[in-house]
PDB file of all heavy atoms in Angstrom:
ATOM      1  N   SER A   1      26.697  68.586 -52.079  1.00  0.00           N
ATOM      2  CA  SER A   1      27.855  69.461 -52.499  1.00  0.00           C
ATOM      3  C   SER A   1      29.186  68.927 -51.932  1.00  0.00           C
ATOM      4  O   SER A   1      30.184  68.995 -52.639  1.00  0.00           O
ATOM      5  CB  SER A   1      27.522  70.870 -51.978  1.00  0.00           C
ATOM      6  OG  SER A   1      27.419  71.045 -50.602  1.00  0.00           O
ATOM      7  N   LEU A   2      29.157  68.446 -50.698  1.00  0.00           N
ATOM      8  CA  LEU A   2      30.428  67.806 -50.111  1.00  0.00           C
ATOM      9  C   LEU A   2      30.814  66.494 -50.834  1.00  0.00           C
ATOM     10  O   LEU A   2      31.995  66.364 -51.124  1.00  0.00           O
ATOM     11  CB  LEU A   2      30.182  67.545 -48.673  1.00  0.00           C
ATOM     12  CG  LEU A   2      30.290  68.681 -47.685  1.00  0.00           C
ATOM     13  CD1 LEU A   2      30.046  68.194 -46.208  1.00  0.00           C
ATOM     14  CD2 LEU A   2      31.728  69.326 -47.697  1.00  0.00           C
ATOM     15  N   PHE A   3      29.864  65.813 -51.295  1.00  0.00           N
ATOM     16  CA  PHE A   3      30.057  64.631 -51.911  1.00  0.00           C
ATOM     17  C   PHE A   3      30.705  64.869 -53.334  1.00  0.00           C
ATOM     18  O   PHE A   3      31.746  64.322 -53.797  1.00  0.00           O
ATOM     19  CB  PHE A   3      28.779  63.688 -52.124  1.00  0.00           C
ATOM     20  CG  PHE A   3      28.923  62.329 -52.641  1.00  0.00           C
ATOM     21  CD1 PHE A   3      29.695  61.444 -52.015  1.00  0.00           C
ATOM     22  CD2 PHE A   3      28.451  62.026 -53.897  1.00  0.00           C
ATOM     23  CE1 PHE A   3      29.938  60.149 -52.530  1.00  0.00           C
ATOM     24  CE2 PHE A   3      28.589  60.715 -54.374  1.00  0.00           C
ATOM     25  CZ  PHE A   3      29.341  59.891 -53.690  1.00  0.00           C
ATOM     26  N   LEU A   4      30.061  65.826 -54.033  1.00  0.00           N
ATOM     27  CA  LEU A   4      30.581  66.201 -55.395  1.00  0.00           C
ATOM     28  C   LEU A   4      32.002  66.859 -55.130  1.00  0.00           C
ATOM     29  O   LEU A   4      32.972  66.658 -56.004  1.00  0.00           O
ATOM     30  CB  LEU A   4      29.646  67.182 -56.000  1.00  0.00           C
ATOM     31  CG  LEU A   4      28.360  66.567 -56.444  1.00  0.00           C
ATOM     32  CD1 LEU A   4      27.336  67.618 -57.000  1.00  0.00           C
ATOM     33  CD2 LEU A   4      28.573  65.492 -57.513  1.00  0.00           C
ATOM     34  N   ALA A   5      32.195  67.731 -54.201  1.00  0.00           N
ATOM     35  CA  ALA A   5      33.509  68.332 -53.992  1.00  0.00           C
ATOM     36  C   ALA A   5      34.578  67.257 -53.699  1.00  0.00           C
ATOM     37  O   ALA A   5      35.705  67.344 -54.247  1.00  0.00           O
ATOM     38  CB  ALA A   5      33.446  69.357 -52.908  1.00  0.00           C
ATOM     39  N   GLY A   6      34.185  66.307 -52.891  1.00  0.00           N
ATOM     40  CA  GLY A   6      35.125  65.221 -52.590  1.00  0.00           C
ATOM     41  C   GLY A   6      35.480  64.365 -53.816  1.00  0.00           C
ATOM     42  O   GLY A   6      36.674  64.113 -53.999  1.00  0.00           O
ATOM     43  N   LEU A   7      34.481  64.173 -54.576  1.00  0.00           N
ATOM     44  CA  LEU A   7      34.827  63.320 -55.785  1.00  0.00           C
ATOM     45  C   LEU A   7      35.667  64.145 -56.750  1.00  0.00           C
ATOM     46  O   LEU A   7      36.604  63.531 -57.297  1.00  0.00           O
ATOM     47  CB  LEU A   7      33.485  62.965 -56.460  1.00  0.00           C
ATOM     48  CG  LEU A   7      32.612  61.796 -55.888  1.00  0.00           C
ATOM     49  CD1 LEU A   7      31.403  61.705 -56.431  1.00  0.00           C
ATOM     50  CD2 LEU A   7      33.330  60.532 -55.772  1.00  0.00           C
ATOM     51  N   MET A   8      35.414  65.354 -56.958  1.00  0.00           N
ATOM     52  CA  MET A   8      36.178  66.140 -57.849  1.00  0.00           C
ATOM     53  C   MET A   8      37.558  66.336 -57.348  1.00  0.00           C
ATOM     54  O   MET A   8      38.646  66.291 -58.124  1.00  0.00           O
ATOM     55  CB  MET A   8      35.509  67.553 -58.179  1.00  0.00           C
ATOM     56  CG  MET A   8      36.220  68.291 -59.219  1.00  0.00           C
ATOM     57  SD  MET A   8      36.471  67.529 -60.771  1.00  0.00           S
ATOM     58  CE  MET A   8      34.893  67.254 -61.448  1.00  0.00           C
ATOM     59  N   GLY A   9      37.833  66.583 -56.033  1.00  0.00           N
ATOM     60  CA  GLY A   9      39.109  66.707 -55.445  1.00  0.00           C
ATOM     61  C   GLY A   9      39.878  65.413 -55.587  1.00  0.00           C
ATOM     62  O   GLY A   9      41.104  65.413 -55.859  1.00  0.00           O
ATOM     63  N   MET A  10      39.138  64.200 -55.392  1.00  0.00           N
ATOM     64  CA  MET A  10      39.895  62.970 -55.611  1.00  0.00           C
ATOM     65  C   MET A  10      40.247  62.807 -56.953  1.00  0.00           C
ATOM     66  O   MET A  10      41.435  62.288 -57.290  1.00  0.00           O
ATOM     67  CB  MET A  10      38.933  61.830 -55.058  1.00  0.00           C
ATOM     68  CG  MET A  10      38.725  61.785 -53.601  1.00  0.00           C
ATOM     69  SD  MET A  10      37.553  60.620 -53.136  1.00  0.00           S
ATOM     70  CE  MET A  10      38.305  59.103 -53.600  1.00  0.00           C
ATOM     71  N   LEU A  11      39.380  63.229 -57.948  1.00  0.00           N
ATOM     72  CA  LEU A  11      39.744  63.115 -59.326  1.00  0.00           C
ATOM     73  C   LEU A  11      41.018  63.856 -59.654  1.00  0.00           C
ATOM     74  O   LEU A  11      41.913  63.440 -60.373  1.00  0.00           O
ATOM     75  CB  LEU A  11      38.583  63.524 -60.212  1.00  0.00           C
ATOM     76  CG  LEU A  11      38.674  63.728 -61.716  1.00  0.00           C
ATOM     77  CD1 LEU A  11      39.101  62.365 -62.391  1.00  0.00           C
ATOM     78  CD2 LEU A  11      37.431  64.261 -62.379  1.00  0.00           C
ATOM     79  N   ILE A  12      41.015  65.144 -59.282  1.00  0.00           N
ATOM     80  CA  ILE A  12      42.138  66.108 -59.613  1.00  0.00           C
ATOM     81  C   ILE A  12      43.425  65.363 -58.862  1.00  0.00           C
ATOM     82  O   ILE A  12      44.462  65.440 -59.492  1.00  0.00           O
ATOM     83  CB  ILE A  12      41.886  67.464 -59.021  1.00  0.00           C
ATOM     84  CG1 ILE A  12      40.758  68.061 -59.912  1.00  0.00           C
ATOM     85  CG2 ILE A  12      43.134  68.308 -59.129  1.00  0.00           C
ATOM     86  CD1 ILE A  12      40.185  69.330 -59.396  1.00  0.00           C
ATOM     87  N   SER A  13      43.286  64.888 -57.649  1.00  0.00           N
ATOM     88  CA  SER A  13      44.411  64.380 -56.968  1.00  0.00           C
ATOM     89  C   SER A  13      44.927  63.083 -57.774  1.00  0.00           C
ATOM     90  O   SER A  13      46.199  62.839 -57.818  1.00  0.00           O
ATOM     91  CB  SER A  13      43.960  63.867 -55.567  1.00  0.00           C
ATOM     92  OG  SER A  13      43.699  65.000 -54.738  1.00  0.00           O
ATOM     93  N   ALA A  14      44.003  62.201 -58.248  1.00  0.00           N
ATOM     94  CA  ALA A  14      44.427  61.067 -58.986  1.00  0.00           C
ATOM     95  C   ALA A  14      45.210  61.402 -60.265  1.00  0.00           C
ATOM     96  O   ALA A  14      46.197  60.780 -60.668  1.00  0.00           O
ATOM     97  CB  ALA A  14      43.216  60.213 -59.346  1.00  0.00           C
ATOM     98  N   VAL A  15      44.701  62.471 -60.947  1.00  0.00           N
ATOM     99  CA  VAL A  15      45.391  63.022 -62.137  1.00  0.00           C
ATOM    100  C   VAL A  15      46.829  63.605 -61.754  1.00  0.00           C
ATOM    101  O   VAL A  15      47.804  63.297 -62.380  1.00  0.00           O
ATOM    102  CB  VAL A  15      44.568  64.133 -62.866  1.00  0.00           C
ATOM    103  CG1 VAL A  15      45.432  64.738 -63.924  1.00  0.00           C
ATOM    104  CG2 VAL A  15      43.316  63.462 -63.378  1.00  0.00           C
ATOM    105  N   ALA A  16      46.903  64.267 -60.617  1.00  0.00           N
ATOM    106  CA  ALA A  16      48.167  64.761 -60.155  1.00  0.00           C
ATOM    107  C   ALA A  16      49.103  63.639 -59.810  1.00  0.00           C
ATOM    108  O   ALA A  16      50.253  63.735 -60.016  1.00  0.00           O
ATOM    109  CB  ALA A  16      47.935  65.720 -59.029  1.00  0.00           C
ATOM    110  N   MET A  17      48.540  62.530 -59.120  1.00  0.00           N
ATOM    111  CA  MET A  17      49.466  61.380 -58.889  1.00  0.00           C
ATOM    112  C   MET A  17      50.008  60.819 -60.139  1.00  0.00           C
ATOM    113  O   MET A  17      51.153  60.391 -60.203  1.00  0.00           O
ATOM    114  CB  MET A  17      48.638  60.378 -58.036  1.00  0.00           C
ATOM    115  CG  MET A  17      48.513  60.766 -56.541  1.00  0.00           C
ATOM    116  SD  MET A  17      47.816  59.362 -55.663  1.00  0.00           S
ATOM    117  CE  MET A  17      46.051  59.845 -55.784  1.00  0.00           C
ATOM    118  N   THR A  18      49.150  60.704 -61.171  1.00  0.00           N
ATOM    119  CA  THR A  18      49.608  60.116 -62.388  1.00  0.00           C
ATOM    120  C   THR A  18      50.671  60.965 -62.949  1.00  0.00           C
ATOM    121  O   THR A  18      51.740  60.424 -63.465  1.00  0.00           O
ATOM    122  CB  THR A  18      48.395  60.048 -63.367  1.00  0.00           C
ATOM    123  OG1 THR A  18      47.409  59.156 -62.768  1.00  0.00           O
ATOM    124  CG2 THR A  18      48.823  59.389 -64.709  1.00  0.00           C
ATOM    125  N   VAL A  19      50.450  62.293 -63.055  1.00  0.00           N
ATOM    126  CA  VAL A  19      51.494  63.203 -63.596  1.00  0.00           C
ATOM    127  C   VAL A  19      52.768  63.094 -62.816  1.00  0.00           C
ATOM    128  O   VAL A  19      53.871  63.066 -63.380  1.00  0.00           O
ATOM    129  CB  VAL A  19      50.989  64.668 -63.627  1.00  0.00           C
ATOM    130  CG1 VAL A  19      52.082  65.661 -63.996  1.00  0.00           C
ATOM    131  CG2 VAL A  19      49.858  64.823 -64.655  1.00  0.00           C
ATOM    132  N   GLY A  20      52.685  63.012 -61.586  1.00  0.00           N
ATOM    133  CA  GLY A  20      53.829  62.874 -60.642  1.00  0.00           C
ATOM    134  C   GLY A  20      54.573  61.705 -60.964  1.00  0.00           C
ATOM    135  O   GLY A  20      55.840  61.584 -60.970  1.00  0.00           O
ATOM    136  N   LEU A  21      53.933  60.495 -61.052  1.00  0.00           N
ATOM    137  CA  LEU A  21      54.562  59.313 -61.337  1.00  0.00           C
ATOM    138  C   LEU A  21      55.141  59.172 -62.626  1.00  0.00           C
ATOM    139  O   LEU A  21      56.317  58.651 -62.909  1.00  0.00           O
ATOM    140  CB  LEU A  21      53.553  58.007 -61.102  1.00  0.00           C
ATOM    141  CG  LEU A  21      53.254  57.811 -59.699  1.00  0.00           C
ATOM    142  CD1 LEU A  21      52.080  56.788 -59.681  1.00  0.00           C
ATOM    143  CD2 LEU A  21      54.299  57.316 -58.924  1.00  0.00           C
ATOM    144  N   VAL A  22      54.476  59.765 -63.705  1.00  0.00           N
ATOM    145  CA  VAL A  22      54.983  59.772 -65.122  1.00  0.00           C
ATOM    146  C   VAL A  22      56.217  60.577 -65.185  1.00  0.00           C
ATOM    147  O   VAL A  22      57.223  60.244 -65.897  1.00  0.00           O
ATOM    148  CB  VAL A  22      53.914  60.137 -66.046  1.00  0.00           C
ATOM    149  CG1 VAL A  22      54.473  60.467 -67.523  1.00  0.00           C
ATOM    150  CG2 VAL A  22      52.776  59.140 -66.185  1.00  0.00           C
ATOM    151  N   LEU A  23      56.227  61.685 -64.608  1.00  0.00           N
ATOM    152  CA  LEU A  23      57.435  62.643 -64.702  1.00  0.00           C
ATOM    153  C   LEU A  23      58.477  62.410 -63.619  1.00  0.00           C
ATOM    154  O   LEU A  23      59.375  63.229 -63.599  1.00  0.00           O
ATOM    155  CB  LEU A  23      56.914  64.069 -64.722  1.00  0.00           C
ATOM    156  CG  LEU A  23      55.977  64.500 -65.852  1.00  0.00           C
ATOM    157  CD1 LEU A  23      55.545  65.918 -65.701  1.00  0.00           C
ATOM    158  CD2 LEU A  23      56.594  64.288 -67.152  1.00  0.00           C
ATOM    159  N   LEU A  24      58.380  61.450 -62.683  1.00  0.00           N
ATOM    160  CA  LEU A  24      59.250  61.177 -61.665  1.00  0.00           C
ATOM    161  C   LEU A  24      60.692  60.995 -62.221  1.00  0.00           C
ATOM    162  O   LEU A  24      61.719  61.501 -61.512  1.00  0.00           O
ATOM    163  CB  LEU A  24      58.751  60.078 -60.758  1.00  0.00           C
ATOM    164  CG  LEU A  24      59.640  59.868 -59.567  1.00  0.00           C
ATOM    165  CD1 LEU A  24      59.645  60.951 -58.622  1.00  0.00           C
ATOM    166  CD2 LEU A  24      58.999  58.622 -58.805  1.00  0.00           C
ATOM    167  N   SER A  25      60.821  60.253 -63.239  1.00  0.00           N
ATOM    168  CA  SER A  25      62.181  59.999 -63.709  1.00  0.00           C
ATOM    169  C   SER A  25      62.841  61.240 -64.319  1.00  0.00           C
ATOM    170  O   SER A  25      64.155  61.230 -64.362  1.00  0.00           O
ATOM    171  CB  SER A  25      62.226  58.880 -64.743  1.00  0.00           C
ATOM    172  OG  SER A  25      61.307  59.303 -65.868  1.00  0.00           O
ATOM    173  N   GLN A  26      62.090  62.207 -64.734  1.00  0.00           N
ATOM    174  CA  GLN A  26      62.629  63.390 -65.355  1.00  0.00           C
ATOM    175  C   GLN A  26      62.860  64.494 -64.274  1.00  0.00           C
ATOM    176  O   GLN A  26      63.862  65.300 -64.458  1.00  0.00           O
ATOM    177  CB  GLN A  26      61.746  63.957 -66.497  1.00  0.00           C
ATOM    178  CG  GLN A  26      61.612  62.996 -67.607  1.00  0.00           C
ATOM    179  CD  GLN A  26      60.536  63.385 -68.560  1.00  0.00           C
ATOM    180  OE1 GLN A  26      59.756  64.350 -68.284  1.00  0.00           O
ATOM    181  NE2 GLN A  26      60.376  62.608 -69.602  1.00  0.00           N
ATOM    182  N   PHE A  27      62.053  64.597 -63.302  1.00  0.00           N
ATOM    183  CA  PHE A  27      62.109  65.643 -62.315  1.00  0.00           C
ATOM    184  C   PHE A  27      62.012  64.967 -60.914  1.00  0.00           C
ATOM    185  O   PHE A  27      60.968  64.487 -60.513  1.00  0.00           O
ATOM    186  CB  PHE A  27      61.029  66.620 -62.428  1.00  0.00           C
ATOM    187  CG  PHE A  27      60.892  67.249 -63.786  1.00  0.00           C
ATOM    188  CD1 PHE A  27      59.973  66.899 -64.796  1.00  0.00           C
ATOM    189  CD2 PHE A  27      61.856  68.327 -64.187  1.00  0.00           C
ATOM    190  CE1 PHE A  27      59.895  67.532 -66.067  1.00  0.00           C
ATOM    191  CE2 PHE A  27      61.713  68.870 -65.402  1.00  0.00           C
ATOM    192  CZ  PHE A  27      60.787  68.403 -66.330  1.00  0.00           C
ATOM    193  N   ALA A  28      63.064  65.076 -60.111  1.00  0.00           N
ATOM    194  CA  ALA A  28      63.081  64.504 -58.837  1.00  0.00           C
ATOM    195  C   ALA A  28      61.978  65.073 -57.875  1.00  0.00           C
ATOM    196  O   ALA A  28      61.436  64.369 -56.952  1.00  0.00           O
ATOM    197  CB  ALA A  28      64.491  64.589 -58.114  1.00  0.00           C
ATOM    198  N   TRP A  29      61.705  66.368 -58.047  1.00  0.00           N
ATOM    199  CA  TRP A  29      60.683  67.068 -57.217  1.00  0.00           C
ATOM    200  C   TRP A  29      59.270  66.541 -57.487  1.00  0.00           C
ATOM    201  O   TRP A  29      58.423  66.903 -56.639  1.00  0.00           O
ATOM    202  CB  TRP A  29      60.830  68.521 -57.347  1.00  0.00           C
ATOM    203  CG  TRP A  29      60.674  69.096 -58.696  1.00  0.00           C
ATOM    204  CD1 TRP A  29      61.663  69.361 -59.620  1.00  0.00           C
ATOM    205  CD2 TRP A  29      59.480  69.493 -59.408  1.00  0.00           C
ATOM    206  NE1 TRP A  29      61.179  69.838 -60.858  1.00  0.00           N
ATOM    207  CE2 TRP A  29      59.875  69.879 -60.682  1.00  0.00           C
ATOM    208  CE3 TRP A  29      58.198  69.468 -59.031  1.00  0.00           C
ATOM    209  CZ2 TRP A  29      58.870  70.346 -61.621  1.00  0.00           C
ATOM    210  CZ3 TRP A  29      57.152  69.851 -59.956  1.00  0.00           C
ATOM    211  CH2 TRP A  29      57.550  70.314 -61.228  1.00  0.00           C
ATOM    212  N   MET A  30      59.068  65.779 -58.513  1.00  0.00           N
ATOM    213  CA  MET A  30      57.744  65.203 -58.738  1.00  0.00           C
ATOM    214  C   MET A  30      57.281  64.319 -57.625  1.00  0.00           C
ATOM    215  O   MET A  30      56.113  64.076 -57.455  1.00  0.00           O
ATOM    216  CB  MET A  30      57.694  64.536 -60.115  1.00  0.00           C
ATOM    217  CG  MET A  30      57.448  65.415 -61.222  1.00  0.00           C
ATOM    218  SD  MET A  30      55.817  66.217 -61.058  1.00  0.00           S
ATOM    219  CE  MET A  30      55.951  67.386 -62.372  1.00  0.00           C
ATOM    220  N   SER A  31      58.242  63.781 -56.908  1.00  0.00           N
ATOM    221  CA  SER A  31      57.847  62.944 -55.715  1.00  0.00           C
ATOM    222  C   SER A  31      57.023  63.722 -54.691  1.00  0.00           C
ATOM    223  O   SER A  31      56.189  63.183 -54.075  1.00  0.00           O
ATOM    224  CB  SER A  31      59.141  62.304 -54.996  1.00  0.00           C
ATOM    225  OG  SER A  31      59.989  63.336 -54.520  1.00  0.00           O
ATOM    226  N   TYR A  32      57.416  64.992 -54.555  1.00  0.00           N
ATOM    227  CA  TYR A  32      56.652  65.764 -53.616  1.00  0.00           C
ATOM    228  C   TYR A  32      55.256  66.066 -54.198  1.00  0.00           C
ATOM    229  O   TYR A  32      54.326  66.061 -53.386  1.00  0.00           O
ATOM    230  CB  TYR A  32      57.391  67.093 -53.412  1.00  0.00           C
ATOM    231  CG  TYR A  32      58.680  66.979 -52.727  1.00  0.00           C
ATOM    232  CD1 TYR A  32      59.828  67.240 -53.393  1.00  0.00           C
ATOM    233  CD2 TYR A  32      58.774  66.509 -51.370  1.00  0.00           C
ATOM    234  CE1 TYR A  32      61.133  67.092 -52.813  1.00  0.00           C
ATOM    235  CE2 TYR A  32      60.058  66.342 -50.806  1.00  0.00           C
ATOM    236  CZ  TYR A  32      61.157  66.590 -51.510  1.00  0.00           C
ATOM    237  OH  TYR A  32      62.403  66.519 -50.923  1.00  0.00           O
ATOM    238  N   VAL A  33      55.150  66.156 -55.464  1.00  0.00           N
ATOM    239  CA  VAL A  33      53.804  66.349 -56.045  1.00  0.00           C
ATOM    240  C   VAL A  33      52.987  65.171 -55.787  1.00  0.00           C
ATOM    241  O   VAL A  33      51.828  65.251 -55.435  1.00  0.00           O
ATOM    242  CB  VAL A  33      53.962  66.631 -57.599  1.00  0.00           C
ATOM    243  CG1 VAL A  33      52.561  66.650 -58.247  1.00  0.00           C
ATOM    244  CG2 VAL A  33      54.594  67.975 -57.853  1.00  0.00           C
ATOM    245  N   SER A  34      53.590  63.949 -55.978  1.00  0.00           N
ATOM    246  CA  SER A  34      52.858  62.710 -55.653  1.00  0.00           C
ATOM    247  C   SER A  34      52.412  62.619 -54.244  1.00  0.00           C
ATOM    248  O   SER A  34      51.322  62.146 -53.906  1.00  0.00           O
ATOM    249  CB  SER A  34      53.783  61.528 -56.179  1.00  0.00           C
ATOM    250  OG  SER A  34      53.905  61.590 -57.559  1.00  0.00           O
ATOM    251  N   MET A  35      53.347  62.994 -53.334  1.00  0.00           N
ATOM    252  CA  MET A  35      53.014  62.913 -51.933  1.00  0.00           C
ATOM    253  C   MET A  35      51.877  63.828 -51.613  1.00  0.00           C
ATOM    254  O   MET A  35      50.961  63.434 -50.792  1.00  0.00           O
ATOM    255  CB  MET A  35      54.301  63.184 -51.074  1.00  0.00           C
ATOM    256  CG  MET A  35      55.239  62.079 -51.051  1.00  0.00           C
ATOM    257  SD  MET A  35      56.789  62.352 -50.151  1.00  0.00           S
ATOM    258  CE  MET A  35      56.489  63.760 -49.184  1.00  0.00           C
ATOM    259  N   VAL A  36      51.968  65.056 -52.065  1.00  0.00           N
ATOM    260  CA  VAL A  36      50.862  66.023 -51.710  1.00  0.00           C
ATOM    261  C   VAL A  36      49.578  65.575 -52.330  1.00  0.00           C
ATOM    262  O   VAL A  36      48.519  65.635 -51.741  1.00  0.00           O
ATOM    263  CB  VAL A  36      51.228  67.432 -52.248  1.00  0.00           C
ATOM    264  CG1 VAL A  36      50.036  68.351 -52.225  1.00  0.00           C
ATOM    265  CG2 VAL A  36      52.412  68.032 -51.508  1.00  0.00           C
ATOM    266  N   ALA A  37      49.532  64.948 -53.531  1.00  0.00           N
ATOM    267  CA  ALA A  37      48.407  64.441 -54.189  1.00  0.00           C
ATOM    268  C   ALA A  37      47.756  63.313 -53.401  1.00  0.00           C
ATOM    269  O   ALA A  37      46.558  63.181 -53.226  1.00  0.00           O
ATOM    270  CB  ALA A  37      48.773  63.983 -55.644  1.00  0.00           C
TER     271      ALA A  37
END
């Protein structure tokens, strides 16, 4: 369960990093999203 939770959390974080990087030029606050991710 910890392994699966860790993998899913990493997956969601990787998607959040991608969203943060893609939208960084449009929204300056996306840098914080990327850092948290």
